[in-house]
Amino acid sequence: MDKQVDMRRVQELVADLRDPRPGIFYTDLLLSAGLGWACFAGAMQPGPAWVRGLAFVAAVLLLYRSLAFIHEIFHQQGMNGFRRTWHALSGVPLLIPFLLYLPIHQGHHNKQVYGTAGDGEYDQFHGRAGAAIAKLFVLNVFLPLALWVRFALLTPLAAVLPPIREKMIPEFVHMALRMPFRAPAIKESARAEAMRIEWWCCAWAWALVAVGVFAGWAWVGAWALLVIAIATLNTIRALGGTHLYVEAAEGRDARGQLLDSLNVDSNGLVAVLLCPVGLRFHALHHVAPYLPYHAMPTAHRRLMAQLPAGSEYHQVTVKSLGEGIARLREATRAVSPPAETA
């Protein structure tokens, strides 16, 4: 039986699922962010340490879920009101606005760019998976400070010093896995909104200083720990549920991206919490990137049931994040370095 995936058949099977349902988006975001910030505030109140600790863990998980909508915002860019709401509840308060993600992700699905040195969401783990993974976790520790510097200092300086806007900002802080990496410019149509959000982030960064001075630096420290914890969860997800990180000299088409990606076919608590908002189905996403997150479980079940048993789609599906990490280690240990180009 042919194991190769028929991409046209895949498109046919999920064609009716492509329309986003705004009610689901808003309800999910409002509950996740609202409860998340309430738990964060609760964790800062006097009381038993175990109660405060549980509240903080809940805040991390809920706000991680709300922040994960940044991926949906890219692929559902017609939902302008939702993007503004997301910025108010998650992007600005966490200092991780859409403008840090937009220029990185816009090349990731391009078949000429995917998996090459020009793909900011990719990196070469060949022969150095352990060191590359360790670097990601170390960078997470410094993320809150880097975000504060990016918006509190670089945003106003960039307004008067063009070299900061043209060179330092594209290279300093963005949501690229590959470091160092120069982010491409944000498209002209999105620049005005991005600039407004950037100044809101600048205002919030300085508001954090005011909070520290007048309410206590424990609040700022807790905010920084929150950002580090969210980034750490996302790193674990990226290692076990996205790609195999075998860089190539040339990009890959949709089928090539499928074979380099993973689905985590698990309803277990760990997978659901660490891969929120459709992120359990990353291989599916690279086959049908237009699908909204709420449609992805249905789409995945259809493909698993109706594609030939043992197909390539079945082969890129794992049962846990642990199995996904094992796949990554195996792939990066066996691969040869990418061929040099002239």
Protein backbone atom coordinates (compact mmCIF):
# COMPACT_ATOMS: atom_id res chain seq x y z
CA MET A 1 0.00 0.00 0.00
CA ASP A 2 1.27 3.47 -0.95
CA LYS A 3 2.38 5.34 2.17
CA GLN A 4 2.90 8.71 0.46
CA VAL A 5 0.33 11.32 1.41
CA ASP A 6 -1.88 12.63 -1.37
CA MET A 7 -1.96 16.34 -0.58
CA ARG A 8 -5.04 16.94 -2.70
CA ARG A 9 -6.90 14.27 -0.75
CA VAL A 10 -5.87 15.91 2.51
CA GLN A 11 -7.19 19.27 1.32
CA GLU A 12 -10.49 17.69 0.32
CA LEU A 13 -10.94 16.00 3.69
CA VAL A 14 -10.54 19.22 5.71
CA ALA A 15 -11.95 21.80 3.28
CA ASP A 16 -15.18 22.31 5.26
CA LEU A 17 -13.31 23.15 8.49
CA ARG A 18 -11.42 26.25 7.41
CA ASP A 19 -13.75 28.98 8.73
CA PRO A 20 -12.83 30.38 12.19
CA ARG A 21 -15.59 30.73 14.80
CA PRO A 22 -15.02 34.05 16.58
CA GLY A 23 -17.21 33.10 19.54
CA ILE A 24 -14.87 30.23 20.41
CA PHE A 25 -11.81 32.44 20.00
CA TYR A 26 -13.10 35.22 22.25
CA THR A 27 -14.51 32.92 24.93
CA ASP A 28 -11.27 30.96 25.15
CA LEU A 29 -9.08 34.06 25.26
CA LEU A 30 -11.21 35.95 27.79
CA LEU A 31 -11.40 32.98 30.14
CA SER A 32 -7.71 32.06 29.81
CA ALA A 33 -6.35 35.58 30.22
CA GLY A 34 -8.95 36.73 32.75
CA LEU A 35 -8.53 33.73 35.03
CA GLY A 36 -4.78 33.77 34.47
CA TRP A 37 -4.31 37.34 35.68
CA ALA A 38 -6.71 36.71 38.57
CA CYS A 39 -4.60 33.74 39.64
CA PHE A 40 -1.44 35.82 39.29
CA ALA A 41 -2.90 38.49 41.56
CA GLY A 42 -4.03 35.81 43.99
CA ALA A 43 -0.53 34.37 44.12
CA MET A 44 0.74 37.74 45.34
CA GLN A 45 -1.67 37.97 48.26
CA PRO A 46 -0.87 36.91 51.84
CA GLY A 47 -1.71 33.31 52.61
CA PRO A 48 -0.37 29.77 52.80
CA ALA A 49 2.62 29.21 50.54
CA TRP A 50 1.08 26.14 48.90
CA VAL A 51 -2.08 28.07 47.97
CA ARG A 52 -0.02 30.90 46.48
CA GLY A 53 2.15 28.38 44.66
CA LEU A 54 -0.85 26.64 43.12
CA ALA A 55 -2.29 30.00 42.08
CA PHE A 56 1.00 30.93 40.38
CA VAL A 57 1.17 27.59 38.52
CA ALA A 58 -2.41 28.11 37.35
CA ALA A 59 -1.50 31.63 36.20
CA VAL A 60 1.45 30.29 34.20
CA LEU A 61 -0.64 27.64 32.44
CA LEU A 62 -3.59 29.93 31.72
CA LEU A 63 -1.50 32.84 30.47
CA TYR A 64 0.65 30.46 28.42
CA ARG A 65 -2.56 29.36 26.73
CA SER A 66 -3.67 32.94 26.12
CA LEU A 67 -0.26 33.88 24.70
CA ALA A 68 -0.37 30.86 22.35
CA PHE A 69 -3.06 32.66 20.35
CA ILE A 70 -0.22 34.65 18.80
CA HIS A 71 0.11 31.77 16.33
CA GLU A 72 -3.59 31.82 15.46
CA ILE A 73 -3.46 35.59 15.01
CA PHE A 74 -0.92 35.16 12.22
CA HIS A 75 -3.02 32.63 10.33
CA GLN A 76 -6.37 34.36 10.94
CA GLN A 77 -5.29 37.92 10.19
CA GLY A 78 -8.79 39.00 9.24
CA MET A 79 -9.80 38.89 12.93
CA ASN A 80 -8.68 42.45 13.67
CA GLY A 81 -10.81 42.92 16.77
CA PHE A 82 -9.56 39.70 18.26
CA ARG A 83 -5.94 40.74 17.66
CA ARG A 84 -6.52 44.02 19.49
CA THR A 85 -8.20 42.21 22.39
CA TRP A 86 -5.35 39.72 22.56
CA HIS A 87 -2.81 42.52 22.70
CA ALA A 88 -4.66 44.18 25.58
CA LEU A 89 -4.94 40.97 27.62
CA SER A 90 -1.74 39.08 26.77
CA GLY A 91 0.64 40.58 24.23
CA VAL A 92 1.30 43.92 25.93
CA PRO A 93 1.16 42.80 29.61
CA LEU A 94 3.67 40.02 28.87
CA LEU A 95 5.75 42.27 26.56
CA ILE A 96 5.43 39.68 23.79
CA PRO A 97 3.37 41.49 21.15
CA PHE A 98 2.57 40.23 17.67
CA LEU A 99 5.26 42.46 16.14
CA LEU A 100 7.97 40.20 17.64
CA TYR A 101 6.44 37.16 15.91
CA LEU A 102 5.07 38.46 12.62
CA PRO A 103 8.35 38.93 10.68
CA ILE A 104 9.68 35.57 11.89
CA HIS A 105 6.67 33.44 11.05
CA GLN A 106 5.91 35.01 7.67
CA GLY A 107 8.83 33.08 6.14
CA HIS A 108 8.39 29.82 8.02
CA HIS A 109 5.72 28.35 5.71
CA ASN A 110 7.46 29.49 2.53
CA LYS A 111 8.69 26.45 0.60
CA GLN A 112 11.87 28.28 -0.43
CA VAL A 113 12.70 29.28 3.16
CA TYR A 114 11.41 26.52 5.44
CA GLY A 115 14.16 24.66 7.29
CA THR A 116 17.02 26.69 5.80
CA ALA A 117 19.37 29.19 7.39
CA GLY A 118 16.84 31.87 6.42
CA ASP A 119 14.11 30.36 8.61
CA GLY A 120 14.08 32.07 12.00
CA GLU A 121 11.82 29.42 13.51
CA TYR A 122 14.31 26.70 12.68
CA ASP A 123 17.83 25.80 13.77
CA GLN A 124 20.42 23.16 12.96
CA PHE A 125 20.59 20.64 15.81
CA HIS A 126 22.89 18.22 13.93
CA GLY A 127 25.49 16.84 16.29
CA ARG A 128 24.73 19.47 18.93
CA ALA A 129 21.17 18.86 20.06
CA GLY A 130 22.16 18.87 23.73
CA ALA A 131 24.01 22.19 23.51
CA ALA A 132 21.30 23.77 21.35
CA ILE A 133 18.58 22.74 23.78
CA ALA A 134 20.56 24.01 26.77
CA LYS A 135 21.05 27.36 25.03
CA LEU A 136 17.30 27.73 24.57
CA PHE A 137 16.62 27.20 28.26
CA VAL A 138 19.37 29.62 29.28
CA LEU A 139 18.00 32.30 26.95
CA ASN A 140 14.60 31.93 28.62
CA VAL A 141 16.12 33.05 31.93
CA PHE A 142 17.22 36.36 30.40
CA LEU A 143 14.03 36.91 28.39
CA PRO A 144 12.23 39.28 30.82
CA LEU A 145 15.22 41.62 30.98
CA ALA A 146 15.72 41.47 27.22
CA LEU A 147 12.04 42.31 26.64
CA TRP A 148 12.22 45.23 29.07
CA VAL A 149 15.32 46.64 27.37
CA ARG A 150 13.73 46.12 23.95
CA PHE A 151 10.69 48.26 24.74
CA ALA A 152 11.66 50.55 27.64
CA LEU A 153 14.98 51.66 26.12
CA LEU A 154 15.25 50.73 22.46
CA THR A 155 11.78 51.92 21.43
CA PRO A 156 12.34 55.58 22.47
CA LEU A 157 15.98 55.52 21.35
CA ALA A 158 14.96 54.18 17.94
CA ALA A 159 12.71 57.20 17.46
CA VAL A 160 15.77 59.48 17.39
CA LEU A 161 18.56 57.10 16.34
CA PRO A 162 17.84 55.36 13.01
CA PRO A 163 20.68 52.79 13.37
CA ILE A 164 18.88 51.30 16.38
CA ARG A 165 15.67 50.91 14.39
CA GLU A 166 17.42 49.61 11.27
CA LYS A 167 20.08 47.34 12.79
CA MET A 168 19.86 46.72 16.53
CA ILE A 169 16.12 46.07 16.90
CA PRO A 170 15.87 43.48 14.08
CA GLU A 171 18.77 41.58 15.62
CA PHE A 172 18.20 42.02 19.35
CA VAL A 173 14.84 40.62 20.50
CA HIS A 174 12.29 38.72 18.49
CA MET A 175 10.61 35.34 18.63
CA ALA A 176 13.17 33.44 16.58
CA LEU A 177 14.43 30.04 17.61
CA ARG A 178 17.63 30.65 15.69
CA MET A 179 20.04 32.97 17.46
CA PRO A 180 21.60 35.16 16.23
CA PHE A 181 19.10 35.95 13.49
CA ARG A 182 18.19 39.14 11.67
CA ALA A 183 14.42 39.47 11.42
CA PRO A 184 13.07 40.73 8.10
CA ALA A 185 11.15 43.98 8.03
CA ILE A 186 7.46 43.95 8.92
CA LYS A 187 5.35 44.44 5.81
CA GLU A 188 4.24 47.99 5.12
CA SER A 189 0.55 47.18 5.65
CA ALA A 190 1.21 46.12 9.26
CA ARG A 191 3.74 48.75 10.32
CA ALA A 192 1.37 51.43 11.63
CA GLU A 193 -0.37 49.02 13.99
CA ALA A 194 2.94 47.49 15.04
CA MET A 195 4.29 50.94 15.94
CA ARG A 196 1.25 51.75 18.08
CA ILE A 197 1.60 48.46 19.95
CA GLU A 198 5.32 49.05 20.36
CA TRP A 199 4.67 52.32 22.20
CA TRP A 200 2.03 50.65 24.38
CA CYS A 201 4.67 48.07 25.31
CA CYS A 202 7.10 50.89 26.07
CA ALA A 203 4.54 52.44 28.40
CA TRP A 204 3.91 49.10 30.11
CA ALA A 205 7.65 48.46 30.53
CA TRP A 206 8.01 51.72 32.43
CA ALA A 207 4.80 50.98 34.34
CA LEU A 208 6.54 47.88 35.66
CA VAL A 209 9.21 50.14 37.12
CA ALA A 210 6.51 52.23 38.77
CA VAL A 211 4.93 49.09 40.18
CA GLY A 212 8.29 48.11 41.64
CA VAL A 213 8.83 51.51 43.23
CA PHE A 214 5.34 52.01 44.69
CA ALA A 215 3.95 48.48 45.18
CA GLY A 216 7.11 46.46 45.71
CA TRP A 217 9.64 44.74 43.50
CA ALA A 218 8.16 41.36 44.42
CA TRP A 219 5.43 42.05 41.87
CA VAL A 220 8.01 42.73 39.15
CA GLY A 221 10.00 39.65 40.13
CA ALA A 222 6.84 37.54 39.94
CA TRP A 223 6.07 38.99 36.50
CA ALA A 224 9.59 38.09 35.34
CA LEU A 225 9.25 34.57 36.73
CA LEU A 226 5.91 34.27 34.94
CA VAL A 227 7.52 35.17 31.60
CA ILE A 228 10.39 32.73 32.18
CA ALA A 229 7.99 29.91 33.07
CA ILE A 230 5.83 30.53 29.99
CA ALA A 231 8.89 30.61 27.74
CA THR A 232 10.16 27.37 29.29
CA LEU A 233 6.87 25.56 28.65
CA ASN A 234 6.96 26.78 25.06
CA THR A 235 10.53 25.50 24.63
CA ILE A 236 9.52 22.04 25.85
CA ARG A 237 6.62 22.06 23.40
CA ALA A 238 8.86 23.18 20.54
CA LEU A 239 11.30 20.33 21.20
CA GLY A 240 8.69 17.58 21.44
CA GLY A 241 5.89 18.69 19.20
CA THR A 242 7.03 20.76 16.24
CA HIS A 243 9.94 19.81 13.96
CA LEU A 244 12.98 17.55 13.77
CA TYR A 245 15.32 20.52 13.23
CA VAL A 246 17.41 18.99 10.45
CA GLU A 247 18.47 22.05 8.50
CA ALA A 248 18.79 21.78 4.72
CA ALA A 249 20.39 23.93 2.07
CA GLU A 250 17.07 24.25 0.23
CA GLY A 251 13.50 24.71 1.44
CA ARG A 252 10.75 22.09 1.49
CA ASP A 253 7.29 21.91 -0.03
CA ALA A 254 4.18 21.01 1.98
CA ARG A 255 4.96 17.29 1.91
CA GLY A 256 8.56 17.90 2.95
CA GLN A 257 7.38 20.08 5.81
CA LEU A 258 4.95 17.35 6.87
CA LEU A 259 7.72 14.76 7.03
CA ASP A 260 9.86 17.09 9.14
CA SER A 261 7.05 17.89 11.60
CA LEU A 262 5.15 16.12 14.37
CA ASN A 263 1.61 15.65 15.66
CA VAL A 264 1.14 14.79 19.33
CA ASP A 265 -1.90 12.52 19.30
CA SER A 266 -2.66 12.58 23.01
CA ASN A 267 -5.47 13.90 25.16
CA GLY A 268 -3.34 13.48 28.27
CA LEU A 269 -3.05 16.37 30.69
CA VAL A 270 0.60 17.12 29.87
CA ALA A 271 0.02 17.29 26.11
CA VAL A 272 -3.14 19.38 26.44
CA LEU A 273 -1.53 21.89 28.82
CA LEU A 274 1.81 22.18 27.01
CA CYS A 275 0.38 22.21 23.47
CA PRO A 276 -2.65 24.53 23.74
CA VAL A 277 -4.67 26.18 20.99
CA GLY A 278 -4.15 23.50 18.35
CA LEU A 279 -0.39 23.22 18.82
CA ARG A 280 -0.60 19.44 19.31
CA PHE A 281 -1.09 19.11 15.54
CA HIS A 282 1.93 20.83 14.06
CA ALA A 283 2.39 18.44 11.13
CA LEU A 284 -1.27 18.93 10.22
CA HIS A 285 -0.76 22.67 10.49
CA HIS A 286 1.97 22.58 7.85
CA VAL A 287 -0.34 20.70 5.50
CA ALA A 288 -3.33 23.00 6.12
CA PRO A 289 -2.05 26.18 7.81
CA TYR A 290 -5.38 27.95 7.31
CA LEU A 291 -7.30 25.68 9.70
CA PRO A 292 -8.41 27.44 12.92
CA TYR A 293 -7.29 25.79 16.13
CA HIS A 294 -10.76 24.60 17.16
CA ALA A 295 -11.07 22.59 13.92
CA MET A 296 -7.75 20.77 14.20
CA PRO A 297 -8.79 17.84 16.46
CA THR A 298 -11.62 17.00 14.03
CA ALA A 299 -9.33 17.37 11.02
CA HIS A 300 -6.70 15.15 12.63
CA ARG A 301 -9.22 12.41 13.44
CA ARG A 302 -10.49 12.46 9.85
CA LEU A 303 -7.02 12.14 8.39
CA MET A 304 -6.01 9.36 10.76
CA ALA A 305 -9.19 7.43 9.89
CA GLN A 306 -9.38 8.03 6.15
CA LEU A 307 -5.77 8.10 4.98
CA PRO A 308 -4.23 4.65 4.36
CA ALA A 309 -3.04 2.93 7.53
CA GLY A 310 0.67 3.54 8.06
CA SER A 311 0.72 6.54 5.73
CA GLU A 312 3.30 9.30 6.09
CA TYR A 313 0.74 11.25 8.10
CA HIS A 314 0.46 8.38 10.57
CA GLN A 315 4.25 8.10 10.71
CA VAL A 316 4.73 11.71 11.86
CA THR A 317 2.21 11.28 14.69
CA VAL A 318 3.59 10.51 18.15
CA LYS A 319 1.84 9.62 21.38
CA SER A 320 3.59 12.07 23.71
CA LEU A 321 5.99 14.99 23.88
CA GLY A 322 8.58 12.59 25.27
CA GLU A 323 8.33 10.46 22.14
CA GLY A 324 8.62 13.63 20.05
CA ILE A 325 11.83 14.64 21.83
CA ALA A 326 13.20 11.14 21.25
CA ARG A 327 12.42 11.49 17.54
CA LEU A 328 14.27 14.81 17.46
CA ARG A 329 17.34 13.34 19.19
CA GLU A 330 17.40 10.39 16.81
CA ALA A 331 17.03 12.56 13.70
CA THR A 332 19.69 15.06 14.70
CA ARG A 333 22.13 12.34 15.72
CA ALA A 334 21.90 10.50 12.38
CA VAL A 335 21.87 13.33 9.87
CA SER A 336 24.89 14.67 7.97
CA PRO A 337 25.61 18.40 7.78
CA PRO A 338 23.80 20.30 4.98
CA ALA A 339 25.63 20.49 1.68
CA GLU A 340 27.55 23.68 1.00
CA THR A 341 26.10 25.89 -1.70
CA ALA A 342 28.17 27.74 -4.23
